[in-house]
Amino acid sequence: MSGLGPDDVRDRPERWRVVEETTAFKGHVFDVRRDRVEMPRGDGTEVVGRDVIEHLGSVGVIALDDRDRVLLVRQYRHAVGRMLWEAPAGLRDVAGEPLHELARRELLEEAGYRAERWDTLVDVYPSSGMSDERVRIFLARGVTEVPADEIDFERIHEEADMPVVWVPLDEAVRKVLAGDVHNMIAVTGVLAAHAARADGFAGLRPVDAPED
């Protein structure tokens, strides 16, 4: 037995010694870094190789309307060869932009909606075994549609024709558990919103809660 209990379950920062670091690839959204890391062992340390995808990070939005429905958009994802139902989301590609402002922008750009109430829903590392990507998922409520003639930008590429649907939250949970929805932000956000609803969302952190 480890001697640890429920009160010990909290992620913490830690960084093991890197003895060598090189760049294997540089791209638009992510780079790949190759590290040689000293890994502690019972009788000392061992140096092992680790490839790390350095990612910009992103945000996602779970938007709920006054009928307890969640907004989903459909988008083609080439890497997995699928059309996926997703929550609105976007990259942290504007230096210094507050995360909740990025989330507001993505909800408007991808779905054409604004929200009055914002809370921090959940933070995740979607692929911590290989990437430093960090995602903050927000809960947006008090949602209203913005007329097309009031949107002062043009949707381009995938955003131009993304279908939008509203799904009852309970039904969205069933679809997640049935394997009908695979997108990480949608899956995590739907389940987190469903759990948070139990106490009327009283346990959620404020919109500007620190990430660490």
C-alpha atoms as a PDB file:
ATOM      1  CA  MET A   1       0.000   0.000   0.000  1.00  0.00           C
ATOM      2  CA  SER A   2       1.232   3.510  -0.847  1.00  0.00           C
ATOM      3  CA  GLY A   3      -0.166   5.171   2.272  1.00  0.00           C
ATOM      4  CA  LEU A   4      -1.909   7.770   0.087  1.00  0.00           C
ATOM      5  CA  GLY A   5      -5.586   8.660   0.322  1.00  0.00           C
ATOM      6  CA  PRO A   6      -8.221  10.767  -1.431  1.00  0.00           C
ATOM      7  CA  ASP A   7      -6.851  13.993   0.069  1.00  0.00           C
ATOM      8  CA  ASP A   8      -3.570  13.365  -1.762  1.00  0.00           C
ATOM      9  CA  VAL A   9      -5.208  13.299  -5.206  1.00  0.00           C
ATOM     10  CA  ARG A  10      -4.078  16.611  -6.659  1.00  0.00           C
ATOM     11  CA  ASP A  11      -1.729  17.071  -9.599  1.00  0.00           C
ATOM     12  CA  ARG A  12       1.442  18.973  -8.767  1.00  0.00           C
ATOM     13  CA  PRO A  13       4.253  20.556 -10.788  1.00  0.00           C
ATOM     14  CA  GLU A  14       7.471  18.544 -11.014  1.00  0.00           C
ATOM     15  CA  ARG A  15      10.312  18.537 -13.517  1.00  0.00           C
ATOM     16  CA  TRP A  16      12.977  15.843 -13.753  1.00  0.00           C
ATOM     17  CA  ARG A  17      16.436  16.783 -14.990  1.00  0.00           C
ATOM     18  CA  VAL A  18      16.880  17.054 -18.758  1.00  0.00           C
ATOM     19  CA  VAL A  19      20.459  16.307 -19.788  1.00  0.00           C
ATOM     20  CA  GLU A  20      19.962  17.017 -23.501  1.00  0.00           C
ATOM     21  CA  GLU A  21      17.307  18.828 -25.544  1.00  0.00           C
ATOM     22  CA  THR A  22      16.969  19.093 -29.337  1.00  0.00           C
ATOM     23  CA  THR A  23      14.265  20.196 -31.768  1.00  0.00           C
ATOM     24  CA  ALA A  24      13.095  17.397 -34.073  1.00  0.00           C
ATOM     25  CA  PHE A  25      10.355  19.333 -35.926  1.00  0.00           C
ATOM     26  CA  LYS A  26       8.927  22.843 -36.138  1.00  0.00           C
ATOM     27  CA  GLY A  27       5.393  23.440 -37.375  1.00  0.00           C
ATOM     28  CA  HIS A  28       2.619  26.026 -37.428  1.00  0.00           C
ATOM     29  CA  VAL A  29       0.594  24.695 -34.494  1.00  0.00           C
ATOM     30  CA  PHE A  30       3.138  22.501 -32.722  1.00  0.00           C
ATOM     31  CA  ASP A  31       6.841  21.642 -32.520  1.00  0.00           C
ATOM     32  CA  VAL A  32       8.421  18.354 -31.517  1.00  0.00           C
ATOM     33  CA  ARG A  33      11.180  18.460 -28.902  1.00  0.00           C
ATOM     34  CA  ARG A  34      13.444  15.502 -28.162  1.00  0.00           C
ATOM     35  CA  ASP A  35      14.631  15.252 -24.540  1.00  0.00           C
ATOM     36  CA  ARG A  36      16.973  12.925 -22.709  1.00  0.00           C
ATOM     37  CA  VAL A  37      15.651  12.756 -19.149  1.00  0.00           C
ATOM     38  CA  GLU A  38      17.080  11.408 -15.921  1.00  0.00           C
ATOM     39  CA  MET A  39      14.394   9.049 -14.586  1.00  0.00           C
ATOM     40  CA  PRO A  40      14.679   8.068 -10.917  1.00  0.00           C
ATOM     41  CA  ARG A  41      14.962   4.362 -10.172  1.00  0.00           C
ATOM     42  CA  GLY A  42      15.197   2.503  -6.903  1.00  0.00           C
ATOM     43  CA  ASP A  43      18.983   2.229  -7.179  1.00  0.00           C
ATOM     44  CA  GLY A  44      19.722   5.546  -8.879  1.00  0.00           C
ATOM     45  CA  THR A  45      18.757   7.135 -12.190  1.00  0.00           C
ATOM     46  CA  GLU A  46      18.417   6.083 -15.809  1.00  0.00           C
ATOM     47  CA  VAL A  47      18.601   8.417 -18.833  1.00  0.00           C
ATOM     48  CA  VAL A  48      15.788   7.808 -21.316  1.00  0.00           C
ATOM     49  CA  GLY A  49      14.563   9.525 -24.485  1.00  0.00           C
ATOM     50  CA  ARG A  50      11.231  11.343 -24.600  1.00  0.00           C
ATOM     51  CA  ASP A  51       9.660  13.087 -27.616  1.00  0.00           C
ATOM     52  CA  VAL A  52       7.439  16.001 -26.566  1.00  0.00           C
ATOM     53  CA  ILE A  53       4.877  17.759 -28.765  1.00  0.00           C
ATOM     54  CA  GLU A  54       5.025  21.444 -27.805  1.00  0.00           C
ATOM     55  CA  HIS A  55       1.506  22.699 -28.463  1.00  0.00           C
ATOM     56  CA  LEU A  56       0.021  26.193 -28.304  1.00  0.00           C
ATOM     57  CA  GLY A  57      -2.808  25.000 -26.081  1.00  0.00           C
ATOM     58  CA  SER A  58      -6.519  25.631 -26.586  1.00  0.00           C
ATOM     59  CA  VAL A  59      -9.866  26.399 -24.999  1.00  0.00           C
ATOM     60  CA  GLY A  60     -13.290  24.827 -25.366  1.00  0.00           C
ATOM     61  CA  VAL A  61     -16.829  25.980 -24.627  1.00  0.00           C
ATOM     62  CA  ILE A  62     -19.759  23.974 -23.298  1.00  0.00           C
ATOM     63  CA  ALA A  63     -22.726  26.260 -23.968  1.00  0.00           C
ATOM     64  CA  LEU A  64     -26.028  25.478 -22.230  1.00  0.00           C
ATOM     65  CA  ASP A  65     -29.293  27.203 -23.097  1.00  0.00           C
ATOM     66  CA  ASP A  66     -32.278  27.798 -20.799  1.00  0.00           C
ATOM     67  CA  ARG A  67     -33.741  24.422 -21.843  1.00  0.00           C
ATOM     68  CA  ASP A  68     -30.659  22.564 -20.541  1.00  0.00           C
ATOM     69  CA  ARG A  69     -29.385  21.774 -24.016  1.00  0.00           C
ATOM     70  CA  VAL A  70     -25.743  21.725 -25.045  1.00  0.00           C
ATOM     71  CA  LEU A  71     -24.494  23.259 -28.286  1.00  0.00           C
ATOM     72  CA  LEU A  72     -22.435  21.049 -30.615  1.00  0.00           C
ATOM     73  CA  VAL A  73     -20.883  21.792 -33.995  1.00  0.00           C
ATOM     74  CA  ARG A  74     -19.789  19.290 -36.639  1.00  0.00           C
ATOM     75  CA  GLN A  75     -16.340  19.525 -38.190  1.00  0.00           C
ATOM     76  CA  TYR A  76     -14.158  17.398 -40.468  1.00  0.00           C
ATOM     77  CA  ARG A  77     -10.996  16.162 -38.757  1.00  0.00           C
ATOM     78  CA  HIS A  78      -8.487  14.896 -41.273  1.00  0.00           C
ATOM     79  CA  ALA A  79      -6.147  13.184 -38.800  1.00  0.00           C
ATOM     80  CA  VAL A  80      -8.832  10.705 -37.738  1.00  0.00           C
ATOM     81  CA  GLY A  81     -10.761  10.657 -41.018  1.00  0.00           C
ATOM     82  CA  ARG A  82     -14.106  11.553 -39.445  1.00  0.00           C
ATOM     83  CA  MET A  83     -16.774  14.188 -39.197  1.00  0.00           C
ATOM     84  CA  LEU A  84     -16.898  14.848 -35.454  1.00  0.00           C
ATOM     85  CA  TRP A  85     -19.498  16.496 -33.264  1.00  0.00           C
ATOM     86  CA  GLU A  86     -17.546  18.908 -31.078  1.00  0.00           C
ATOM     87  CA  ALA A  87     -17.848  21.778 -28.658  1.00  0.00           C
ATOM     88  CA  PRO A  88     -16.699  25.150 -29.999  1.00  0.00           C
ATOM     89  CA  ALA A  89     -12.955  25.452 -29.412  1.00  0.00           C
ATOM     90  CA  GLY A  90      -9.852  27.276 -30.547  1.00  0.00           C
ATOM     91  CA  LEU A  91      -6.099  27.611 -30.247  1.00  0.00           C
ATOM     92  CA  ARG A  92      -4.340  29.949 -27.852  1.00  0.00           C
ATOM     93  CA  ASP A  93      -2.726  31.721 -30.766  1.00  0.00           C
ATOM     94  CA  VAL A  94      -3.023  35.358 -29.663  1.00  0.00           C
ATOM     95  CA  ALA A  95      -0.289  36.271 -27.185  1.00  0.00           C
ATOM     96  CA  GLY A  96      -1.636  37.696 -23.944  1.00  0.00           C
ATOM     97  CA  GLU A  97      -5.312  37.134 -24.753  1.00  0.00           C
ATOM     98  CA  PRO A  98      -7.251  36.122 -21.613  1.00  0.00           C
ATOM     99  CA  LEU A  99      -8.541  32.581 -22.004  1.00  0.00           C
ATOM    100  CA  HIS A 100     -12.176  33.502 -21.355  1.00  0.00           C
ATOM    101  CA  GLU A 101     -11.983  36.185 -24.052  1.00  0.00           C
ATOM    102  CA  LEU A 102     -10.671  33.590 -26.480  1.00  0.00           C
ATOM    103  CA  ALA A 103     -13.564  31.326 -25.500  1.00  0.00           C
ATOM    104  CA  ARG A 104     -16.082  34.118 -26.116  1.00  0.00           C
ATOM    105  CA  ARG A 105     -14.559  34.720 -29.534  1.00  0.00           C
ATOM    106  CA  GLU A 106     -14.659  31.046 -30.487  1.00  0.00           C
ATOM    107  CA  LEU A 107     -18.310  30.665 -29.448  1.00  0.00           C
ATOM    108  CA  LEU A 108     -19.198  33.620 -31.663  1.00  0.00           C
ATOM    109  CA  GLU A 109     -16.989  32.658 -34.606  1.00  0.00           C
ATOM    110  CA  GLU A 110     -17.845  28.954 -34.750  1.00  0.00           C
ATOM    111  CA  ALA A 111     -21.483  28.978 -33.682  1.00  0.00           C
ATOM    112  CA  GLY A 112     -22.761  32.578 -33.832  1.00  0.00           C
ATOM    113  CA  TYR A 113     -23.730  32.818 -30.131  1.00  0.00           C
ATOM    114  CA  ARG A 114     -22.937  34.992 -27.131  1.00  0.00           C
ATOM    115  CA  ALA A 115     -23.330  34.130 -23.453  1.00  0.00           C
ATOM    116  CA  GLU A 116     -24.018  36.206 -20.339  1.00  0.00           C
ATOM    117  CA  ARG A 117     -22.598  33.828 -17.699  1.00  0.00           C
ATOM    118  CA  TRP A 118     -19.169  32.195 -17.876  1.00  0.00           C
ATOM    119  CA  ASP A 119     -17.503  29.783 -15.448  1.00  0.00           C
ATOM    120  CA  THR A 120     -14.415  27.605 -15.547  1.00  0.00           C
ATOM    121  CA  LEU A 121     -15.643  24.047 -15.993  1.00  0.00           C
ATOM    122  CA  VAL A 122     -12.541  21.834 -16.161  1.00  0.00           C
ATOM    123  CA  ASP A 123      -8.835  21.842 -17.119  1.00  0.00           C
ATOM    124  CA  VAL A 124      -7.258  18.891 -18.961  1.00  0.00           C
ATOM    125  CA  TYR A 125      -4.030  17.713 -20.550  1.00  0.00           C
ATOM    126  CA  PRO A 126      -5.543  15.718 -23.449  1.00  0.00           C
ATOM    127  CA  SER A 127      -2.431  13.694 -24.250  1.00  0.00           C
ATOM    128  CA  SER A 128      -0.006  14.088 -21.367  1.00  0.00           C
ATOM    129  CA  GLY A 129       2.082  11.088 -22.390  1.00  0.00           C
ATOM    130  CA  MET A 130       3.389  12.936 -25.437  1.00  0.00           C
ATOM    131  CA  SER A 131       2.249  16.568 -25.447  1.00  0.00           C
ATOM    132  CA  ASP A 132       2.271  19.637 -23.196  1.00  0.00           C
ATOM    133  CA  GLU A 133      -1.034  20.824 -24.705  1.00  0.00           C
ATOM    134  CA  ARG A 134      -3.340  22.277 -22.075  1.00  0.00           C
ATOM    135  CA  VAL A 135      -7.067  22.836 -22.548  1.00  0.00           C
ATOM    136  CA  ARG A 136      -9.373  24.904 -20.390  1.00  0.00           C
ATOM    137  CA  ILE A 137     -13.066  24.178 -20.915  1.00  0.00           C
ATOM    138  CA  PHE A 138     -15.549  26.878 -19.964  1.00  0.00           C
ATOM    139  CA  LEU A 139     -19.250  26.631 -19.193  1.00  0.00           C
ATOM    140  CA  ALA A 140     -21.302  29.326 -20.954  1.00  0.00           C
ATOM    141  CA  ARG A 141     -24.906  30.075 -19.955  1.00  0.00           C
ATOM    142  CA  GLY A 142     -27.464  32.724 -20.785  1.00  0.00           C
ATOM    143  CA  VAL A 143     -26.853  32.050 -24.458  1.00  0.00           C
ATOM    144  CA  THR A 144     -28.339  34.131 -27.282  1.00  0.00           C
ATOM    145  CA  GLU A 145     -27.892  33.854 -31.029  1.00  0.00           C
ATOM    146  CA  VAL A 146     -26.256  36.789 -32.786  1.00  0.00           C
ATOM    147  CA  PRO A 147     -27.949  37.842 -36.064  1.00  0.00           C
ATOM    148  CA  ALA A 148     -25.719  37.284 -39.073  1.00  0.00           C
ATOM    149  CA  ASP A 149     -25.762  40.979 -40.000  1.00  0.00           C
ATOM    150  CA  GLU A 150     -24.296  41.862 -36.579  1.00  0.00           C
ATOM    151  CA  ILE A 151     -21.261  39.603 -36.979  1.00  0.00           C
ATOM    152  CA  ASP A 152     -18.427  41.781 -38.270  1.00  0.00           C
ATOM    153  CA  PHE A 153     -16.148  39.035 -39.604  1.00  0.00           C
ATOM    154  CA  GLU A 154     -16.290  36.390 -42.287  1.00  0.00           C
ATOM    155  CA  ARG A 155     -16.148  32.731 -41.366  1.00  0.00           C
ATOM    156  CA  ILE A 156     -13.501  30.920 -43.378  1.00  0.00           C
ATOM    157  CA  HIS A 157     -12.351  27.361 -44.072  1.00  0.00           C
ATOM    158  CA  GLU A 158     -14.042  24.776 -41.819  1.00  0.00           C
ATOM    159  CA  GLU A 159     -15.955  27.426 -39.848  1.00  0.00           C
ATOM    160  CA  ALA A 160     -17.890  28.609 -42.884  1.00  0.00           C
ATOM    161  CA  ASP A 161     -20.399  25.751 -43.067  1.00  0.00           C
ATOM    162  CA  MET A 162     -20.299  23.995 -39.702  1.00  0.00           C
ATOM    163  CA  PRO A 163     -23.730  22.638 -38.729  1.00  0.00           C
ATOM    164  CA  VAL A 164     -24.895  23.573 -35.223  1.00  0.00           C
ATOM    165  CA  VAL A 165     -27.286  21.491 -33.108  1.00  0.00           C
ATOM    166  CA  TRP A 166     -28.658  21.758 -29.583  1.00  0.00           C
ATOM    167  CA  VAL A 167     -28.785  18.435 -27.730  1.00  0.00           C
ATOM    168  CA  PRO A 168     -30.442  17.916 -24.310  1.00  0.00           C
ATOM    169  CA  LEU A 169     -27.624  17.502 -21.788  1.00  0.00           C
ATOM    170  CA  ASP A 170     -28.884  14.119 -20.583  1.00  0.00           C
ATOM    171  CA  GLU A 171     -29.084  12.903 -24.184  1.00  0.00           C
ATOM    172  CA  ALA A 172     -25.573  14.217 -24.852  1.00  0.00           C
ATOM    173  CA  VAL A 173     -24.298  12.143 -21.914  1.00  0.00           C
ATOM    174  CA  ARG A 174     -25.979   9.055 -23.362  1.00  0.00           C
ATOM    175  CA  LYS A 175     -24.360   9.712 -26.733  1.00  0.00           C
ATOM    176  CA  VAL A 176     -20.942  10.042 -25.103  1.00  0.00           C
ATOM    177  CA  LEU A 177     -21.344   6.752 -23.228  1.00  0.00           C
ATOM    178  CA  ALA A 178     -22.693   5.035 -26.361  1.00  0.00           C
ATOM    179  CA  GLY A 179     -19.583   6.012 -28.318  1.00  0.00           C
ATOM    180  CA  ASP A 180     -21.431   8.374 -30.648  1.00  0.00           C
ATOM    181  CA  VAL A 181     -19.302  11.386 -29.665  1.00  0.00           C
ATOM    182  CA  HIS A 182     -15.478  11.147 -29.570  1.00  0.00           C
ATOM    183  CA  ASN A 183     -14.075  14.688 -29.439  1.00  0.00           C
ATOM    184  CA  MET A 184     -12.125  15.117 -26.206  1.00  0.00           C
ATOM    185  CA  ILE A 185     -13.442  18.580 -25.350  1.00  0.00           C
ATOM    186  CA  ALA A 186     -17.040  17.572 -26.050  1.00  0.00           C
ATOM    187  CA  VAL A 187     -16.782  14.302 -24.100  1.00  0.00           C
ATOM    188  CA  THR A 188     -15.022  15.837 -21.101  1.00  0.00           C
ATOM    189  CA  GLY A 189     -17.142  18.975 -21.099  1.00  0.00           C
ATOM    190  CA  VAL A 190     -20.489  17.200 -21.420  1.00  0.00           C
ATOM    191  CA  LEU A 191     -19.711  14.810 -18.562  1.00  0.00           C
ATOM    192  CA  ALA A 192     -18.308  17.608 -16.394  1.00  0.00           C
ATOM    193  CA  ALA A 193     -21.325  19.845 -17.014  1.00  0.00           C
ATOM    194  CA  HIS A 194     -23.677  16.971 -16.188  1.00  0.00           C
ATOM    195  CA  ALA A 195     -21.818  16.349 -12.911  1.00  0.00           C
ATOM    196  CA  ALA A 196     -21.646  20.064 -12.037  1.00  0.00           C
ATOM    197  CA  ARG A 197     -25.389  20.463 -12.551  1.00  0.00           C
ATOM    198  CA  ALA A 198     -26.052  18.335  -9.444  1.00  0.00           C
ATOM    199  CA  ASP A 199     -25.407  21.312  -7.130  1.00  0.00           C
ATOM    200  CA  GLY A 200     -26.656  23.954  -9.539  1.00  0.00           C
ATOM    201  CA  PHE A 201     -23.090  24.617 -10.776  1.00  0.00           C
ATOM    202  CA  ALA A 202     -22.217  26.127  -7.389  1.00  0.00           C
ATOM    203  CA  GLY A 203     -18.908  24.283  -7.227  1.00  0.00           C
ATOM    204  CA  LEU A 204     -17.431  25.756 -10.396  1.00  0.00           C
ATOM    205  CA  ARG A 205     -14.414  28.064 -10.359  1.00  0.00           C
ATOM    206  CA  PRO A 206     -14.672  31.668 -11.597  1.00  0.00           C
ATOM    207  CA  VAL A 207     -14.024  32.403 -15.254  1.00  0.00           C
ATOM    208  CA  ASP A 208     -10.577  33.864 -14.525  1.00  0.00           C
ATOM    209  CA  ALA A 209      -9.424  31.124 -12.129  1.00  0.00           C
ATOM    210  CA  PRO A 210      -5.664  30.480 -12.344  1.00  0.00           C
ATOM    211  CA  GLU A 211      -4.627  27.330 -14.188  1.00  0.00           C
ATOM    212  CA  ASP A 212      -2.107  26.219 -11.557  1.00  0.00           C
END
